[in-house]
Protein backbone atom coordinates (compact mmCIF):
# COMPACT_ATOMS: atom_id res chain seq x y z
CA MET A 1 -7.84 -11.92 10.02
CA ARG A 2 -4.65 -12.79 11.45
CA HIS A 3 -3.11 -10.90 8.32
CA GLU A 4 -5.10 -7.84 9.33
CA TRP A 5 -3.03 -6.68 12.75
CA PRO A 6 -1.62 -3.63 10.66
CA LEU A 7 -5.12 -2.45 11.20
CA LEU A 8 -5.45 -2.57 14.41
CA ILE A 9 -2.48 -1.05 14.76
CA SER A 10 -3.55 2.19 12.52
CA VAL A 11 -6.40 2.19 14.31
CA PHE A 12 -5.00 2.27 17.47
CA THR A 13 -2.80 4.99 16.33
CA LEU A 14 -5.85 7.02 14.93
CA ILE A 15 -8.04 6.57 18.77
CA LEU A 16 -4.67 8.24 20.64
CA PHE A 17 -3.89 10.71 18.36
CA PHE A 18 -7.58 11.47 18.31
CA PHE A 19 -7.94 12.13 21.81
CA PHE A 20 -4.00 13.14 23.17
CA GLY A 21 -2.72 14.31 19.11
CA ASN A 22 -3.00 18.40 19.74
CA GLY A 23 -1.43 18.05 22.81
CA TRP A 24 1.52 15.83 21.14
CA LEU A 25 1.65 18.00 18.13
CA LEU A 26 2.10 21.17 20.09
CA ASP A 27 5.67 21.51 21.22
CA LEU A 28 8.08 19.53 18.64
CA SER A 29 11.27 21.31 19.97
CA ASN A 30 12.42 18.12 21.38
CA PRO A 31 14.57 16.78 18.69
CA LEU A 32 13.64 13.08 20.31
CA TRP A 33 10.04 13.57 20.33
CA LEU A 34 10.12 15.04 16.75
CA THR A 35 11.53 12.00 15.48
CA PHE A 36 8.98 9.39 17.62
CA LEU A 37 6.56 10.77 16.17
CA LEU A 38 7.50 11.15 12.52
CA VAL A 39 8.89 7.69 12.90
CA TRP A 40 5.37 6.31 14.39
CA LEU A 41 3.17 7.94 11.76
CA PHE A 42 5.82 7.29 8.98
CA GLY A 43 5.76 3.56 10.32
CA VAL A 44 1.91 3.10 10.61
CA ILE A 45 1.33 4.52 7.26
CA LEU A 46 3.51 2.58 5.96
CA LEU A 47 2.18 -0.62 6.85
CA SER A 48 -1.04 0.41 6.19
CA ALA A 49 0.39 1.32 2.31
CA PHE A 50 1.63 -2.53 2.48
CA ALA A 51 -1.82 -4.05 3.30
CA ILE A 52 -3.22 -1.48 0.86
CA VAL A 53 -1.48 -3.26 -1.74
CA ARG A 54 -1.73 -6.71 -0.74
CA HIS A 55 -5.68 -6.18 -0.98
CA ALA A 56 -5.27 -4.40 -3.98
CA GLU A 57 -2.99 -7.23 -5.70
CA SER A 58 -5.65 -9.71 -4.31
CA LEU A 59 -7.96 -7.50 -6.26
CA ALA A 60 -5.74 -8.03 -9.04
CA THR A 61 -5.87 -11.99 -9.38
CA ILE A 62 -9.37 -12.02 -9.11
CA LEU A 63 -10.39 -9.35 -11.85
CA GLY A 64 -7.16 -10.20 -13.83
CA GLU A 65 -5.64 -8.50 -15.99
CA PRO A 66 -5.45 -5.36 -17.19
CA LEU A 67 -8.27 -4.51 -14.92
CA GLY A 68 -6.68 -5.97 -12.01
CA THR A 69 -3.61 -3.62 -11.85
CA LEU A 70 -5.88 -0.65 -12.41
CA VAL A 71 -7.59 -1.49 -9.04
CA LEU A 72 -4.23 -1.62 -7.61
CA THR A 73 -2.81 1.80 -9.41
CA LEU A 74 -5.99 3.56 -8.41
CA SER A 75 -6.04 2.45 -5.00
CA VAL A 76 -2.50 4.26 -4.37
CA ILE A 77 -3.12 7.60 -6.20
CA GLY A 78 -6.27 7.55 -3.76
CA VAL A 79 -3.96 7.39 -0.98
CA GLU A 80 -1.68 10.17 -2.58
CA VAL A 81 -4.16 12.67 -3.53
CA LEU A 82 -5.18 12.31 0.45
CA MET A 83 -1.11 12.50 1.68
CA ILE A 84 -0.71 15.62 -0.54
CA SER A 85 -4.10 17.56 0.44
CA ALA A 86 -3.58 16.41 4.20
CA VAL A 87 0.06 18.46 4.30
CA MET A 88 -1.32 21.13 1.50
CA LEU A 89 -3.98 21.87 4.20
CA THR A 90 -1.76 21.55 7.71
CA GLY A 91 -0.61 25.09 9.09
CA GLU A 92 0.05 27.81 6.57
CA GLY A 93 -0.01 24.78 3.85
CA LYS A 94 2.83 24.15 1.24
CA PRO A 95 1.66 25.56 -2.36
CA ALA A 96 4.55 23.76 -3.82
CA ILE A 97 3.61 20.27 -1.87
CA ALA A 98 1.74 18.74 -4.72
CA ARG A 99 4.14 19.00 -7.38
CA ASP A 100 7.00 17.99 -5.76
CA THR A 101 5.76 15.22 -4.73
CA MET A 102 4.14 14.23 -8.55
CA PHE A 103 7.59 15.19 -9.57
CA SER A 104 9.03 12.50 -6.85
CA VAL A 105 6.92 10.09 -8.28
CA VAL A 106 7.71 10.43 -11.78
CA MET A 107 11.61 10.42 -10.79
CA THR A 108 10.98 8.10 -8.82
CA LEU A 109 8.73 5.52 -10.85
CA LEU A 110 9.83 6.00 -14.33
CA GLY A 111 14.08 6.46 -13.40
CA GLY A 112 14.39 4.59 -10.19
CA MET A 113 12.00 2.04 -10.03
CA THR A 114 11.67 0.67 -13.84
CA GLY A 115 15.78 1.14 -13.99
CA LEU A 116 16.07 -1.01 -10.74
CA SER A 117 13.33 -3.71 -12.36
CA LEU A 118 15.20 -3.53 -15.63
CA LEU A 119 18.62 -4.24 -14.23
CA MET A 120 17.26 -7.24 -11.83
CA GLY A 121 14.55 -8.40 -14.46
CA GLY A 122 17.74 -8.32 -17.32
CA LEU A 123 20.33 -9.79 -14.53
CA ARG A 124 18.07 -12.61 -14.32
CA HIS A 125 16.76 -13.15 -17.55
CA HIS A 126 18.97 -11.39 -19.63
CA GLU A 127 16.96 -9.82 -22.13
CA GLN A 128 12.70 -9.46 -21.52
CA THR A 129 10.09 -8.84 -23.63
CA TYR A 130 6.68 -6.57 -22.91
CA ASN A 131 3.92 -5.28 -25.16
CA LEU A 132 5.43 -1.91 -26.93
CA GLN A 133 2.13 -0.95 -27.88
CA GLY A 134 0.61 -0.71 -24.30
CA ALA A 135 3.79 0.94 -23.26
CA ASN A 136 3.40 3.66 -25.98
CA ALA A 137 -0.12 4.17 -25.18
CA TYR A 138 0.99 5.04 -21.48
CA LEU A 139 4.08 7.13 -22.85
CA SER A 140 2.11 8.97 -25.30
CA LEU A 141 -0.34 10.44 -22.61
CA ILE A 142 2.32 10.73 -20.04
CA ILE A 143 4.37 13.10 -21.92
CA PRO A 144 1.92 15.49 -23.12
CA LEU A 145 0.18 15.72 -19.29
CA ALA A 146 3.63 15.78 -17.40
CA VAL A 147 4.48 19.10 -19.85
CA LEU A 148 1.35 20.80 -19.71
CA GLY A 149 1.39 20.43 -16.18
CA LEU A 150 4.89 20.66 -14.66
CA VAL A 151 6.61 22.47 -17.11
CA MET A 152 4.14 24.73 -18.86
CA PRO A 153 2.96 26.94 -15.93
CA ASN A 154 6.62 28.81 -15.92
CA PHE A 155 5.83 30.18 -18.82
CA THR A 156 2.34 31.12 -18.70
CA ARG A 157 1.72 35.08 -18.57
CA THR A 158 -1.72 35.43 -16.91
CA THR A 159 -0.45 34.62 -13.16
CA PRO A 160 2.75 35.72 -11.79
CA GLY A 161 5.16 32.49 -11.07
CA PRO A 162 4.98 28.71 -11.84
CA MET A 163 1.06 28.78 -11.44
CA LEU A 164 -2.04 29.00 -13.30
CA SER A 165 -4.80 31.35 -13.80
CA THR A 166 -8.56 29.93 -12.94
CA SER A 167 -9.37 29.19 -16.68
CA GLN A 168 -6.18 27.40 -17.25
CA SER A 169 -6.68 25.45 -14.27
CA ILE A 170 -10.13 24.38 -15.10
CA PHE A 171 -9.03 23.72 -18.41
CA LEU A 172 -5.95 21.40 -17.63
CA SER A 173 -8.52 19.69 -14.89
CA ILE A 174 -11.07 19.07 -17.22
CA MET A 175 -8.80 17.60 -20.17
CA SER A 176 -6.64 15.42 -17.78
CA ILE A 177 -9.61 14.02 -16.56
CA GLY A 178 -11.24 13.34 -19.80
CA ILE A 179 -8.23 12.09 -22.13
CA TYR A 180 -7.69 9.89 -18.54
CA GLY A 181 -10.85 8.68 -19.22
CA ILE A 182 -10.22 7.84 -23.10
CA PHE A 183 -7.45 5.79 -22.04
CA LEU A 184 -8.77 3.86 -18.79
CA ALA A 185 -11.72 3.10 -21.82
CA VAL A 186 -9.08 1.91 -24.52
CA GLN A 187 -7.28 -0.21 -21.76
CA THR A 188 -10.43 -1.69 -19.76
CA SER A 189 -12.11 -2.76 -23.51
CA ARG A 190 -11.32 -1.50 -27.38
CA HIS A 191 -7.79 -2.72 -27.09
CA ARG A 192 -7.50 -4.76 -23.84
CA ASN A 193 -5.10 -6.70 -25.57
CA PHE A 194 -2.64 -3.83 -25.53
CA PHE A 195 -1.86 -4.27 -21.86
CA ILE A 196 -1.47 -8.11 -21.39
CA PRO A 197 1.83 -9.85 -21.82
CA PRO A 198 2.80 -10.60 -25.81
CA ASP A 199 2.74 -14.24 -25.55
CA PRO A 200 -0.23 -15.62 -24.79
CA ASN A 201 0.91 -18.65 -22.91
CA GLU A 202 3.09 -16.83 -20.02
CA LYS A 203 1.79 -17.57 -16.73
CA VAL A 204 1.30 -14.70 -14.33
CA GLU A 205 0.71 -15.12 -10.70
CA LEU A 206 0.44 -11.59 -9.53
CA HIS A 207 -0.08 -12.23 -6.02
CA GLY A 208 2.79 -14.09 -4.90
CA GLU A 209 2.27 -15.40 -1.69
CA HIS A 210 -1.14 -13.71 -0.84
CA GLU A 211 -4.04 -15.79 0.25
CA ILE A 212 -7.11 -14.63 -2.17
CA GLN A 213 -10.55 -14.42 -0.75
CA SER A 214 -13.88 -13.18 -2.27
CA THR A 215 -13.79 -9.70 -3.81
CA GLY A 216 -15.95 -7.92 -1.47
CA HIS A 217 -13.22 -9.40 1.64
CA HIS A 218 -10.77 -7.49 0.03
CA GLY A 219 -12.46 -4.47 -1.02
CA ILE A 220 -14.04 -3.72 2.48
CA PHE A 221 -10.52 -4.21 4.07
CA LEU A 222 -9.33 -2.04 1.23
CA VAL A 223 -11.23 0.73 2.05
CA LEU A 224 -10.68 0.73 6.08
CA TYR A 225 -7.37 0.64 5.64
CA ILE A 226 -7.73 3.75 3.27
CA LEU A 227 -10.21 5.97 5.73
CA PRO A 228 -8.14 5.98 8.94
CA LEU A 229 -5.18 7.49 6.50
CA VAL A 230 -7.20 10.55 6.20
CA VAL A 231 -6.44 11.50 9.72
CA LEU A 232 -3.12 9.89 10.27
CA ALA A 233 -1.35 11.16 7.02
CA LYS A 234 -2.76 14.93 8.22
CA LYS A 235 -1.53 14.55 12.27
CA PHE A 236 2.08 13.12 9.67
CA ALA A 237 2.38 16.47 8.10
CA VAL A 238 2.38 18.82 10.94
CA PRO A 239 6.05 16.80 12.43
CA LEU A 240 6.78 16.78 8.52
CA GLU A 241 6.55 20.35 8.47
CA TYR A 242 8.37 21.49 11.25
CA GLY A 243 11.38 18.49 10.72
CA THR A 244 12.18 20.01 7.17
CA ARG A 245 11.94 23.14 8.38
CA VAL A 246 14.43 22.53 11.37
CA LEU A 247 17.06 20.71 9.44
CA GLY A 248 16.71 23.28 6.73
CA ALA A 249 15.84 20.67 4.11
CA PRO A 250 15.33 21.51 0.39
CA GLN A 251 11.82 22.20 0.09
CA GLU A 252 11.58 19.31 -2.54
CA PHE A 253 12.65 16.77 0.61
CA SER A 254 8.78 16.89 1.92
CA GLY A 255 7.29 15.97 -1.71
CA PHE A 256 10.04 13.06 -2.23
CA LEU A 257 9.04 11.52 1.61
CA VAL A 258 5.41 11.83 1.04
CA GLY A 259 6.48 9.78 -2.36
CA VAL A 260 8.48 7.12 -1.19
CA LEU A 261 5.83 6.76 1.66
CA ILE A 262 3.12 6.03 -1.19
CA LEU A 263 4.93 4.36 -3.64
CA SER A 264 6.94 1.67 -1.54
CA PRO A 265 4.92 -0.92 -1.44
CA GLU A 266 3.77 -0.86 -5.25
CA ALA A 267 6.81 -0.07 -7.00
CA MET A 268 8.79 -3.07 -4.90
CA SER A 269 5.45 -5.18 -6.46
CA ALA A 270 6.90 -3.87 -10.27
CA VAL A 271 10.53 -5.29 -9.23
CA ARG A 272 9.32 -8.35 -8.12
CA ALA A 273 6.89 -8.97 -11.31
CA ALA A 274 10.25 -7.48 -13.24
CA VAL A 275 12.35 -10.57 -11.27
CA ARG A 276 9.40 -13.09 -12.08
CA ASN A 277 10.10 -12.38 -15.64
CA GLN A 278 6.88 -10.44 -15.62
CA LEU A 279 8.06 -7.30 -17.36
CA GLN A 280 4.75 -6.75 -18.57
CA ARG A 281 3.06 -6.50 -15.00
CA ALA A 282 5.64 -4.36 -14.08
CA PHE A 283 5.20 -1.83 -16.45
CA ASN A 284 1.70 -1.64 -16.53
CA ILE A 285 2.35 -0.51 -12.83
CA LEU A 286 5.30 1.42 -13.34
CA LEU A 287 4.05 3.45 -16.37
CA GLY A 288 0.06 3.40 -14.59
CA SER A 289 1.05 4.82 -11.49
CA VAL A 290 2.77 7.40 -13.22
CA LEU A 291 -0.04 8.16 -15.39
CA ALA A 292 -2.32 7.79 -12.75
CA THR A 293 -0.52 10.30 -10.80
CA ILE A 294 0.13 13.24 -13.35
CA GLY A 295 -3.65 12.66 -14.65
CA LEU A 296 -5.48 12.46 -11.27
CA THR A 297 -3.87 14.25 -9.10
CA ILE A 298 -3.22 17.41 -10.97
CA PRO A 299 -7.04 18.17 -11.16
CA ALA A 300 -7.33 16.73 -7.52
CA VAL A 301 -5.06 19.63 -6.05
CA LEU A 302 -5.99 22.19 -8.38
CA THR A 303 -9.72 21.30 -7.55
CA ILE A 304 -8.97 21.93 -3.63
CA GLY A 305 -7.03 25.01 -4.29
CA LEU A 306 -9.86 26.71 -6.12
CA ILE A 307 -12.05 25.42 -3.69
CA THR A 308 -10.16 26.82 -0.36
CA GLY A 309 -8.51 29.45 -2.14
CA LYS A 310 -5.38 28.04 -1.60
CA THR A 311 -2.13 28.64 -4.05
CA ILE A 312 -0.56 25.97 -5.97
CA TYR A 313 2.74 25.59 -7.80
CA LEU A 314 3.01 23.72 -10.48
CA GLY A 315 5.60 24.52 -12.82
CA LEU A 316 9.57 22.95 -12.04
CA ASP A 317 12.71 25.14 -11.88
CA MET A 318 14.38 25.20 -15.11
CA LEU A 319 16.90 22.12 -13.63
CA ASN A 320 14.08 20.22 -12.88
CA ALA A 321 12.07 20.94 -15.66
CA THR A 322 15.69 19.26 -17.81
CA LEU A 323 15.83 16.23 -15.28
CA LEU A 324 11.98 15.32 -16.27
CA LEU A 325 12.51 15.93 -20.47
CA LEU A 326 15.99 14.27 -19.91
CA LEU A 327 13.89 11.42 -18.36
CA LEU A 328 11.30 11.50 -20.59
CA GLY A 329 13.51 11.28 -23.45
CA VAL A 330 15.34 8.38 -21.85
CA SER A 331 12.38 6.61 -21.48
CA MET A 332 11.27 6.79 -25.35
CA VAL A 333 14.57 5.15 -26.36
CA THR A 334 14.09 2.36 -23.77
CA LEU A 335 10.70 1.65 -25.06
CA SER A 336 10.79 1.82 -28.74
CA SER A 337 11.99 -1.78 -28.48
CA VAL A 338 10.63 -5.12 -27.66
CA ARG A 339 13.53 -6.64 -25.94
CA THR A 340 15.10 -4.62 -22.44
CA ASN A 341 18.37 -5.33 -20.91
CA ILE A 342 20.33 -4.23 -18.19
CA LEU A 343 22.23 -1.01 -19.88
CA GLN A 344 18.19 0.29 -20.56
CA GLY A 345 17.76 0.19 -16.37
CA ALA A 346 21.47 1.38 -15.77
CA VAL A 347 20.68 4.47 -17.92
CA HIS A 348 17.12 5.04 -15.91
CA LEU A 349 19.01 4.40 -12.38
CA LEU A 350 21.55 7.11 -13.18
CA VAL A 351 19.00 10.05 -14.14
CA PHE A 352 17.23 9.10 -10.61
CA LEU A 353 20.11 8.98 -8.78
CA ALA A 354 21.16 12.61 -10.22
CA TYR A 355 17.60 13.70 -9.42
CA LEU A 356 18.64 12.47 -5.58
CA MET A 357 21.72 14.36 -6.09
CA LEU A 358 20.80 17.65 -7.36
CA MET A 359 18.14 17.83 -4.60
CA PHE A 360 20.66 18.47 -2.01
CA GLN A 361 23.67 20.02 -4.24
CA SER A 362 22.07 21.98 -7.04
């Protein structure tokens, strides 16, 4: 229990905002008060996210690969959907927040963190190997789902703007969940060997320094950490929306912040795995998170939009669509060989840095 102090902070913050939150969030015109609320809520949610990943990694150790990494991925994606939903449903709502967050996740994980993992792993081990069949299985789903979900809505003619009609939304949601379900069957049973290290003698220590308890212990705390985030994410959305509007930041910036807040713990876990020469573990985390983000978040937000009547923008503008297609192409080249080195890492980082630059200077 001595490791669970972030839960006490999360619950204490939740209680304070339950009684005083409406008054605190009523007037955000004071810059110091706005900054304090943003930093406070950002820090509490980030601490909870690290704790969620800690317990999910412990479950991953107990369950083994690839099922363990799947638990980690779905835990983080669950938090992502909660965060996006909270921002969407706050105030007047942000029709593009889901699109911007998903795009940020893809660029951050597939560009920035994959590049950093390959670069750090290459600097330490020169060349690294992974299971090519597993990586290609991820890409074979990421590419069509990314194009159908984030590019195609710009070119449909039944609705104006970057959105889908009701029938198109239902079709894409069912197809995304269906194809992801087939992938899970392949990953966890029929072709499980695609997602384990190619060297059967490779020793994989998933949890690092985490203390391993029972499955029930980690499962219960995983739920206990996630539950307060439902409310805290909604509270965080208010100063985030206000601050973005006052500062005149680009609309994509809110999605980027939400993505960073969610991804930081899991992304660092992937980098640590690459440094320990466990590149398959790193790819399972990074590519699995990208796939789950697109395959599960799109159906979730489209369903919320259909139920609540909220407008959902999915199609990227031409600049960001070009960046997305560029990154997918680079990823195809990188994952065409069983060996990686620092050059591929540097190229992925280049695309990610271009994304950051163009967010503010498009």
